[in-house]
Amino acid sequence: MIRHCVFLRLSPKADTAELDKIMLDLEDLVRRLDGCSDFRAGPNRDYEGKTPDYPYGFTLDAENAKALAAYAVDPEHQDLGARLVALCEGGAAGIIVYDIEAPA
């Protein structure tokens, strides 16, 4: 299983209504893609004080690398990703992605 973790350095001017819409659309997409599940999104509470520049993030699970690759090239995902880039400080540089491989 691969847990796809995405951390967003949102622009101070980011439209939160747009962010909410993108998250809902990503959740819907993940539900429809074979091998993808468990979409979660929300604010970073940063209890350890290590990531204050990344106030929001989301995760999803992919059953394997093939399922994650299908998500990555999906046209709807690419459109939603472009909209996220527009909300982030520094554009694409304002997004950190970790793909953690773990037992299912």
C-alpha atoms as a PDB file:
ATOM      1  CA  MET A   1       0.000   0.000   0.000  1.00  0.00           C
ATOM      2  CA  ILE A   2       1.206   3.508  -0.754  1.00  0.00           C
ATOM      3  CA  ARG A   3       0.016   6.469   1.280  1.00  0.00           C
ATOM      4  CA  HIS A   4       0.216   9.544  -0.940  1.00  0.00           C
ATOM      5  CA  CYS A   5       0.734  12.604   1.302  1.00  0.00           C
ATOM      6  CA  VAL A   6       0.501  16.137  -0.083  1.00  0.00           C
ATOM      7  CA  PHE A   7       1.382  19.259   1.902  1.00  0.00           C
ATOM      8  CA  LEU A   8       0.387  22.701   0.663  1.00  0.00           C
ATOM      9  CA  ARG A   9       2.143  26.017   1.320  1.00  0.00           C
ATOM     10  CA  LEU A  10      -0.928  28.082   0.589  1.00  0.00           C
ATOM     11  CA  SER A  11      -0.653  31.673  -0.512  1.00  0.00           C
ATOM     12  CA  PRO A  12      -1.986  34.132   2.088  1.00  0.00           C
ATOM     13  CA  LYS A  13      -4.457  35.177  -0.624  1.00  0.00           C
ATOM     14  CA  ALA A  14      -5.599  31.607  -1.387  1.00  0.00           C
ATOM     15  CA  ASP A  15      -9.348  31.323  -1.924  1.00  0.00           C
ATOM     16  CA  THR A  16     -10.515  28.909   0.787  1.00  0.00           C
ATOM     17  CA  ALA A  17     -13.796  28.241  -1.039  1.00  0.00           C
ATOM     18  CA  GLU A  18     -11.761  27.114  -4.068  1.00  0.00           C
ATOM     19  CA  LEU A  19      -9.590  24.913  -1.830  1.00  0.00           C
ATOM     20  CA  ASP A  20     -12.693  23.295  -0.328  1.00  0.00           C
ATOM     21  CA  LYS A  21     -14.116  22.643  -3.808  1.00  0.00           C
ATOM     22  CA  ILE A  22     -10.866  21.085  -5.014  1.00  0.00           C
ATOM     23  CA  MET A  23     -10.756  18.798  -1.963  1.00  0.00           C
ATOM     24  CA  LEU A  24     -14.332  17.650  -2.551  1.00  0.00           C
ATOM     25  CA  ASP A  25     -13.542  16.964  -6.194  1.00  0.00           C
ATOM     26  CA  LEU A  26     -10.360  15.059  -5.300  1.00  0.00           C
ATOM     27  CA  GLU A  27     -12.293  12.966  -2.786  1.00  0.00           C
ATOM     28  CA  ASP A  28     -14.864  12.152  -5.450  1.00  0.00           C
ATOM     29  CA  LEU A  29     -12.145  11.249  -7.953  1.00  0.00           C
ATOM     30  CA  VAL A  30     -10.374   8.954  -5.486  1.00  0.00           C
ATOM     31  CA  ARG A  31     -13.650   7.123  -4.809  1.00  0.00           C
ATOM     32  CA  ARG A  32     -14.022   6.429  -8.538  1.00  0.00           C
ATOM     33  CA  LEU A  33     -10.476   5.267  -9.283  1.00  0.00           C
ATOM     34  CA  ASP A  34      -9.692   1.563  -9.029  1.00  0.00           C
ATOM     35  CA  GLY A  35      -7.114   0.861  -6.368  1.00  0.00           C
ATOM     36  CA  CYS A  36      -7.420   4.241  -4.620  1.00  0.00           C
ATOM     37  CA  SER A  37      -9.225   4.920  -1.347  1.00  0.00           C
ATOM     38  CA  ASP A  38      -9.319   6.672   2.005  1.00  0.00           C
ATOM     39  CA  PHE A  39      -8.969  10.307   0.948  1.00  0.00           C
ATOM     40  CA  ARG A  40      -8.466  12.628   3.933  1.00  0.00           C
ATOM     41  CA  ALA A  41      -7.898  16.391   3.906  1.00  0.00           C
ATOM     42  CA  GLY A  42      -7.601  19.099   6.498  1.00  0.00           C
ATOM     43  CA  PRO A  43      -5.613  21.829   8.193  1.00  0.00           C
ATOM     44  CA  ASN A  44      -2.141  21.182   9.570  1.00  0.00           C
ATOM     45  CA  ARG A  45      -2.298  21.722  13.326  1.00  0.00           C
ATOM     46  CA  ASP A  46       1.533  21.573  13.504  1.00  0.00           C
ATOM     47  CA  TYR A  47       1.623  20.554  17.180  1.00  0.00           C
ATOM     48  CA  GLU A  48       5.410  20.108  17.023  1.00  0.00           C
ATOM     49  CA  GLY A  49       5.979  23.498  15.396  1.00  0.00           C
ATOM     50  CA  LYS A  50       7.941  22.052  12.481  1.00  0.00           C
ATOM     51  CA  THR A  51       5.795  22.901   9.456  1.00  0.00           C
ATOM     52  CA  PRO A  52       4.141  26.289   9.954  1.00  0.00           C
ATOM     53  CA  ASP A  53       4.541  27.173   6.271  1.00  0.00           C
ATOM     54  CA  TYR A  54       2.299  24.276   5.192  1.00  0.00           C
ATOM     55  CA  PRO A  55      -1.125  24.993   6.680  1.00  0.00           C
ATOM     56  CA  TYR A  56      -3.068  22.322   4.776  1.00  0.00           C
ATOM     57  CA  GLY A  57      -2.683  18.860   3.361  1.00  0.00           C
ATOM     58  CA  PHE A  58      -4.321  15.695   2.172  1.00  0.00           C
ATOM     59  CA  THR A  59      -3.635  11.991   1.883  1.00  0.00           C
ATOM     60  CA  LEU A  60      -4.987   9.068  -0.066  1.00  0.00           C
ATOM     61  CA  ASP A  61      -4.148   5.399  -0.209  1.00  0.00           C
ATOM     62  CA  ALA A  62      -3.235   3.511  -3.366  1.00  0.00           C
ATOM     63  CA  GLU A  63      -3.100  -0.263  -3.271  1.00  0.00           C
ATOM     64  CA  ASN A  64       0.094  -0.270  -5.380  1.00  0.00           C
ATOM     65  CA  ALA A  65       2.344   1.848  -7.601  1.00  0.00           C
ATOM     66  CA  LYS A  66       0.191   1.099 -10.653  1.00  0.00           C
ATOM     67  CA  ALA A  67      -2.922   2.569  -8.975  1.00  0.00           C
ATOM     68  CA  LEU A  68      -0.973   5.652  -7.867  1.00  0.00           C
ATOM     69  CA  ALA A  69       0.403   6.099 -11.387  1.00  0.00           C
ATOM     70  CA  ALA A  70      -3.141   5.927 -12.809  1.00  0.00           C
ATOM     71  CA  TYR A  71      -4.193   8.652 -10.352  1.00  0.00           C
ATOM     72  CA  ALA A  72      -1.195  10.793 -11.350  1.00  0.00           C
ATOM     73  CA  VAL A  73      -2.002  10.771 -15.074  1.00  0.00           C
ATOM     74  CA  ASP A  74      -5.774  11.039 -14.720  1.00  0.00           C
ATOM     75  CA  PRO A  75      -6.893  14.201 -16.598  1.00  0.00           C
ATOM     76  CA  GLU A  76      -9.260  15.242 -13.802  1.00  0.00           C
ATOM     77  CA  HIS A  77      -6.434  14.905 -11.261  1.00  0.00           C
ATOM     78  CA  GLN A  78      -4.151  16.986 -13.469  1.00  0.00           C
ATOM     79  CA  ASP A  79      -6.791  19.729 -13.723  1.00  0.00           C
ATOM     80  CA  LEU A  80      -7.368  19.732  -9.968  1.00  0.00           C
ATOM     81  CA  GLY A  81      -3.608  19.755  -9.399  1.00  0.00           C
ATOM     82  CA  ALA A  82      -3.217  22.808 -11.604  1.00  0.00           C
ATOM     83  CA  ARG A  83      -5.893  24.561  -9.570  1.00  0.00           C
ATOM     84  CA  LEU A  84      -4.015  23.657  -6.363  1.00  0.00           C
ATOM     85  CA  VAL A  85      -0.767  24.989  -7.802  1.00  0.00           C
ATOM     86  CA  ALA A  86      -2.518  28.312  -8.409  1.00  0.00           C
ATOM     87  CA  LEU A  87      -3.416  28.495  -4.699  1.00  0.00           C
ATOM     88  CA  CYS A  88       0.100  27.815  -3.447  1.00  0.00           C
ATOM     89  CA  GLU A  89       2.848  30.270  -2.679  1.00  0.00           C
ATOM     90  CA  GLY A  90       5.567  29.650  -5.237  1.00  0.00           C
ATOM     91  CA  GLY A  91       3.261  27.624  -7.468  1.00  0.00           C
ATOM     92  CA  ALA A  92       4.318  23.974  -7.790  1.00  0.00           C
ATOM     93  CA  ALA A  93       7.272  24.664  -5.480  1.00  0.00           C
ATOM     94  CA  GLY A  94       4.699  25.261  -2.729  1.00  0.00           C
ATOM     95  CA  ILE A  95       3.648  21.608  -2.750  1.00  0.00           C
ATOM     96  CA  ILE A  96       5.496  18.769  -1.023  1.00  0.00           C
ATOM     97  CA  VAL A  97       4.605  15.155  -1.828  1.00  0.00           C
ATOM     98  CA  TYR A  98       5.587  12.036   0.111  1.00  0.00           C
ATOM     99  CA  ASP A  99       4.651   8.560  -1.065  1.00  0.00           C
ATOM    100  CA  ILE A 100       5.048   6.230   1.892  1.00  0.00           C
ATOM    101  CA  GLU A 101       5.100   2.519   1.112  1.00  0.00           C
ATOM    102  CA  ALA A 102       3.711   0.491   3.999  1.00  0.00           C
ATOM    103  CA  PRO A 103       2.016  -2.835   4.618  1.00  0.00           C
ATOM    104  CA  ALA A 104      -1.710  -2.771   3.925  1.00  0.00           C
END
